Amino acid sequence: MSRKEIFRLCTLAEGFGFAVFIGWYIWRPQLSHPNSWIVFPVWLIVSFVVHHDTPKTLGWRADNLGPAARQAAVVFGICGVALCAAGLYLGALHRLPQHLLEPHRFFGYLSFCLLQQIALNSYLMDRFLYAVESPSVAALLASIIFALLHWPNPVLVPLTLVGGFAMCWLFARERNILPLTLGQAVLGGLAWWAFPIAWHHSMRVGPGYYAFGNHFW
């Protein structure tokens, strides 16, 4: 086995290791040791340095914003129409999409989506692209992990599987997380509105899904 092949295997293992740590954090130390979140930025920074990442490889760029935005608009537009249709079918017209209409909620969620895009695409998808050299396989691996990390939410698991694959596929075509972040925030707000709160428990995952009470975030 060549040195390059070994490095690819190590990179693949690194990506899976990061996903396992996130899952463990969601279910275990998130409540008992809340400060353990510091591991995430440290892990990402060290990995970015070791792999000699640049703003272009991470998708933190503006030079391809136009093409990236145009291709993302098509995919997110289709998904948005599907979510609106689901909302109409499920009788969501009696409530407003608060996460889209209230600025503090939207921008708060937008910030969270940016963090998710850094983890999902700037890090995980980028690592898998290098390790397997197949955009489709890399996107499938990343989206499966993305969906599993939203367990046990019956709304978010299938939505993040499909949406995660679409976002990773878009990232492989045009490395830019800016339109992906905005698109995810819009679709997330539509999903919160379209499906009953009793189904998605205000978009919570992990133990928080089971602990959900009669209040919204």
Protein backbone atom coordinates (compact mmCIF):
# COMPACT_ATOMS: atom_id res chain seq x y z
CA MET A 1 0.00 0.00 0.00
CA SER A 2 1.41 3.37 -1.00
CA ARG A 3 1.82 6.33 1.33
CA LYS A 4 -0.96 8.16 -0.51
CA GLU A 5 -3.37 5.26 -0.03
CA ILE A 6 -2.53 5.09 3.67
CA PHE A 7 -3.16 8.83 4.02
CA ARG A 8 -6.51 8.43 2.28
CA LEU A 9 -7.53 5.68 4.69
CA CYS A 10 -6.45 7.83 7.63
CA THR A 11 -8.44 10.74 6.23
CA LEU A 12 -11.51 8.53 5.88
CA ALA A 13 -11.08 7.29 9.45
CA GLU A 14 -10.66 10.89 10.63
CA GLY A 15 -13.98 11.86 9.08
CA PHE A 16 -15.79 8.94 10.68
CA GLY A 17 -14.10 9.68 13.99
CA PHE A 18 -15.35 13.25 13.94
CA ALA A 19 -18.89 12.04 13.22
CA VAL A 20 -18.72 9.54 16.09
CA PHE A 21 -17.56 12.26 18.47
CA ILE A 22 -20.44 14.54 17.45
CA GLY A 23 -22.93 11.72 18.01
CA TRP A 24 -21.39 10.93 21.39
CA TYR A 25 -21.51 14.61 22.36
CA ILE A 26 -25.19 14.92 21.41
CA TRP A 27 -26.20 11.93 23.51
CA ARG A 28 -23.75 12.11 26.44
CA PRO A 29 -21.61 15.09 27.55
CA GLN A 30 -23.81 17.81 26.02
CA LEU A 31 -25.70 18.13 29.31
CA SER A 32 -23.22 16.74 31.85
CA HIS A 33 -20.13 18.51 30.43
CA PRO A 34 -21.39 21.42 28.29
CA ASN A 35 -17.90 22.93 27.91
CA SER A 36 -16.77 19.89 25.95
CA TRP A 37 -18.01 21.67 22.80
CA ILE A 38 -14.54 23.25 22.64
CA VAL A 39 -13.28 20.01 21.11
CA PHE A 40 -15.11 20.77 17.86
CA PRO A 41 -13.35 24.02 16.86
CA VAL A 42 -10.01 22.67 18.04
CA TRP A 43 -10.48 19.48 15.97
CA LEU A 44 -11.47 21.45 12.88
CA ILE A 45 -8.65 24.00 13.14
CA VAL A 46 -6.01 21.32 13.65
CA SER A 47 -7.38 19.30 10.73
CA PHE A 48 -7.51 22.33 8.43
CA VAL A 49 -3.87 23.08 9.24
CA VAL A 50 -2.68 19.48 8.83
CA HIS A 51 -4.45 19.09 5.49
CA HIS A 52 -3.21 22.47 4.24
CA ASP A 53 -6.74 23.66 3.55
CA THR A 54 -7.36 27.08 2.01
CA PRO A 55 -10.49 29.26 1.81
CA LYS A 56 -11.06 27.88 -1.70
CA THR A 57 -10.91 24.23 -0.66
CA LEU A 58 -13.18 24.96 2.31
CA GLY A 59 -15.72 26.81 0.22
CA TRP A 60 -15.21 30.13 2.02
CA ARG A 61 -15.03 32.22 -1.12
CA ALA A 62 -16.74 34.78 -3.32
CA ASP A 63 -15.12 34.21 -6.74
CA ASN A 64 -17.58 31.44 -7.69
CA LEU A 65 -20.56 32.81 -5.76
CA GLY A 66 -22.60 33.45 -8.93
CA PRO A 67 -22.42 29.91 -10.40
CA ALA A 68 -22.79 28.35 -6.95
CA ALA A 69 -25.85 30.47 -6.17
CA ARG A 70 -27.51 29.71 -9.50
CA GLN A 71 -27.15 25.94 -9.21
CA ALA A 72 -28.19 26.01 -5.56
CA ALA A 73 -31.27 28.11 -6.39
CA VAL A 74 -32.58 25.36 -8.67
CA VAL A 75 -32.17 22.57 -6.11
CA PHE A 76 -33.35 24.59 -3.12
CA GLY A 77 -36.25 25.96 -5.18
CA ILE A 78 -37.51 22.45 -5.91
CA CYS A 79 -37.11 21.44 -2.27
CA GLY A 80 -38.86 24.61 -1.13
CA VAL A 81 -41.86 23.95 -3.38
CA ALA A 82 -42.05 20.38 -2.04
CA LEU A 83 -42.02 21.62 1.58
CA CYS A 84 -44.69 24.23 0.85
CA ALA A 85 -46.85 21.54 -0.77
CA ALA A 86 -46.37 19.33 2.29
CA GLY A 87 -47.31 22.21 4.56
CA LEU A 88 -50.50 22.90 2.61
CA TYR A 89 -51.41 19.20 2.67
CA LEU A 90 -50.79 18.96 6.41
CA GLY A 91 -52.81 22.08 7.18
CA ALA A 92 -49.97 24.39 8.21
CA LEU A 93 -51.76 27.55 7.04
CA HIS A 94 -53.08 28.18 10.57
CA ARG A 95 -49.55 29.13 11.73
CA LEU A 96 -46.86 31.43 10.37
CA PRO A 97 -43.30 30.33 9.41
CA GLN A 98 -41.84 32.17 12.41
CA HIS A 99 -38.26 31.13 11.72
CA LEU A 100 -38.44 32.95 8.38
CA LEU A 101 -40.45 36.01 9.42
CA GLU A 102 -38.85 36.88 12.77
CA PRO A 103 -35.33 38.31 12.21
CA HIS A 104 -33.84 37.16 15.51
CA ARG A 105 -34.95 33.59 14.88
CA PHE A 106 -33.89 33.56 11.25
CA PHE A 107 -30.43 35.02 11.80
CA GLY A 108 -29.88 32.85 14.85
CA TYR A 109 -30.74 29.78 12.81
CA LEU A 110 -28.67 31.08 9.89
CA SER A 111 -25.62 31.21 12.17
CA PHE A 112 -26.28 27.63 13.27
CA CYS A 113 -26.60 26.55 9.62
CA LEU A 114 -23.24 28.15 8.87
CA LEU A 115 -21.63 26.03 11.59
CA GLN A 116 -23.33 22.94 10.17
CA GLN A 117 -22.07 23.71 6.66
CA ILE A 118 -18.52 24.11 7.93
CA ALA A 119 -18.75 20.72 9.62
CA LEU A 120 -20.68 18.97 6.84
CA ASN A 121 -19.03 20.33 3.70
CA SER A 122 -15.89 22.32 4.55
CA TYR A 123 -14.75 19.40 6.69
CA LEU A 124 -16.58 16.09 6.25
CA MET A 125 -17.42 16.22 2.55
CA ASP A 126 -13.99 17.58 1.74
CA ARG A 127 -12.33 14.70 3.60
CA PHE A 128 -14.51 12.08 1.95
CA LEU A 129 -13.91 13.57 -1.49
CA TYR A 130 -10.20 13.13 -0.98
CA ALA A 131 -10.54 9.65 0.52
CA VAL A 132 -12.90 8.01 -2.00
CA GLU A 133 -12.42 10.22 -5.11
CA SER A 134 -16.09 9.87 -6.05
CA PRO A 135 -18.44 12.84 -5.48
CA SER A 136 -21.52 10.60 -5.39
CA VAL A 137 -20.04 8.15 -2.86
CA ALA A 138 -18.62 10.96 -0.75
CA ALA A 139 -21.97 12.77 -0.76
CA LEU A 140 -23.79 9.57 0.18
CA LEU A 141 -21.45 8.87 3.10
CA ALA A 142 -21.66 12.43 4.39
CA SER A 143 -25.45 12.62 4.05
CA ILE A 144 -25.98 9.31 5.87
CA ILE A 145 -23.87 10.59 8.75
CA PHE A 146 -25.71 13.93 8.67
CA ALA A 147 -29.05 12.13 8.89
CA LEU A 148 -27.97 9.78 11.69
CA LEU A 149 -26.83 12.75 13.77
CA HIS A 150 -30.45 14.00 13.67
CA TRP A 151 -31.75 10.78 15.22
CA PRO A 152 -34.44 10.12 16.50
CA ASN A 153 -36.36 13.01 14.90
CA PRO A 154 -38.76 11.36 12.39
CA VAL A 155 -38.97 14.54 10.30
CA LEU A 156 -35.33 15.61 10.27
CA VAL A 157 -33.76 12.20 9.65
CA PRO A 158 -35.27 11.71 6.15
CA LEU A 159 -35.08 15.43 5.32
CA THR A 160 -31.40 15.68 6.23
CA LEU A 161 -30.62 12.50 4.32
CA VAL A 162 -32.07 13.93 1.11
CA GLY A 163 -31.09 17.54 1.78
CA GLY A 164 -27.64 16.56 3.00
CA PHE A 165 -26.94 14.62 -0.18
CA ALA A 166 -28.13 17.55 -2.31
CA MET A 167 -25.96 20.05 -0.43
CA CYS A 168 -22.89 17.82 -0.56
CA TRP A 169 -23.42 17.21 -4.29
CA LEU A 170 -23.71 20.96 -4.85
CA PHE A 171 -20.53 21.52 -2.84
CA ALA A 172 -18.65 18.98 -4.96
CA ARG A 173 -19.69 20.86 -8.12
CA GLU A 174 -19.03 24.38 -6.81
CA ARG A 175 -17.12 24.71 -3.54
CA ASN A 176 -19.02 27.50 -1.84
CA ILE A 177 -20.89 27.12 1.45
CA LEU A 178 -22.49 30.60 1.38
CA PRO A 179 -25.55 29.76 -0.79
CA LEU A 180 -25.77 26.39 0.95
CA THR A 181 -25.98 28.09 4.34
CA LEU A 182 -28.74 30.44 3.20
CA GLY A 183 -30.63 27.65 1.45
CA GLN A 184 -30.45 25.39 4.48
CA ALA A 185 -31.76 28.17 6.73
CA VAL A 186 -34.72 28.82 4.43
CA LEU A 187 -35.56 25.14 4.02
CA GLY A 188 -35.17 24.55 7.76
CA GLY A 189 -37.64 27.35 8.46
CA LEU A 190 -40.08 25.88 5.95
CA ALA A 191 -39.71 22.42 7.48
CA TRP A 192 -40.44 23.82 10.96
CA TRP A 193 -43.61 25.39 9.54
CA ALA A 194 -44.75 22.59 7.22
CA PHE A 195 -44.76 19.68 9.64
CA PRO A 196 -46.66 19.51 12.94
CA ILE A 197 -44.69 20.44 16.06
CA ALA A 198 -45.85 17.14 17.55
CA TRP A 199 -43.83 15.39 14.86
CA HIS A 200 -40.54 17.27 14.93
CA HIS A 201 -40.59 18.56 18.55
CA SER A 202 -39.35 21.99 17.45
CA MET A 203 -36.51 20.45 15.40
CA ARG A 204 -34.78 18.84 18.39
CA VAL A 205 -32.49 15.82 18.15
CA GLY A 206 -30.93 13.38 20.59
CA PRO A 207 -32.20 13.40 24.19
CA GLY A 208 -33.72 16.83 23.59
CA TYR A 209 -36.27 15.23 21.26
CA TYR A 210 -37.63 13.10 24.11
CA ALA A 211 -37.45 15.93 26.64
CA PHE A 212 -39.49 18.29 24.50
CA GLY A 213 -42.32 19.97 26.43
CA ASN A 214 -45.21 22.16 25.50
CA HIS A 215 -43.11 25.11 24.38
CA PHE A 216 -41.35 26.30 21.25
CA TRP A 217 -37.82 27.57 20.80
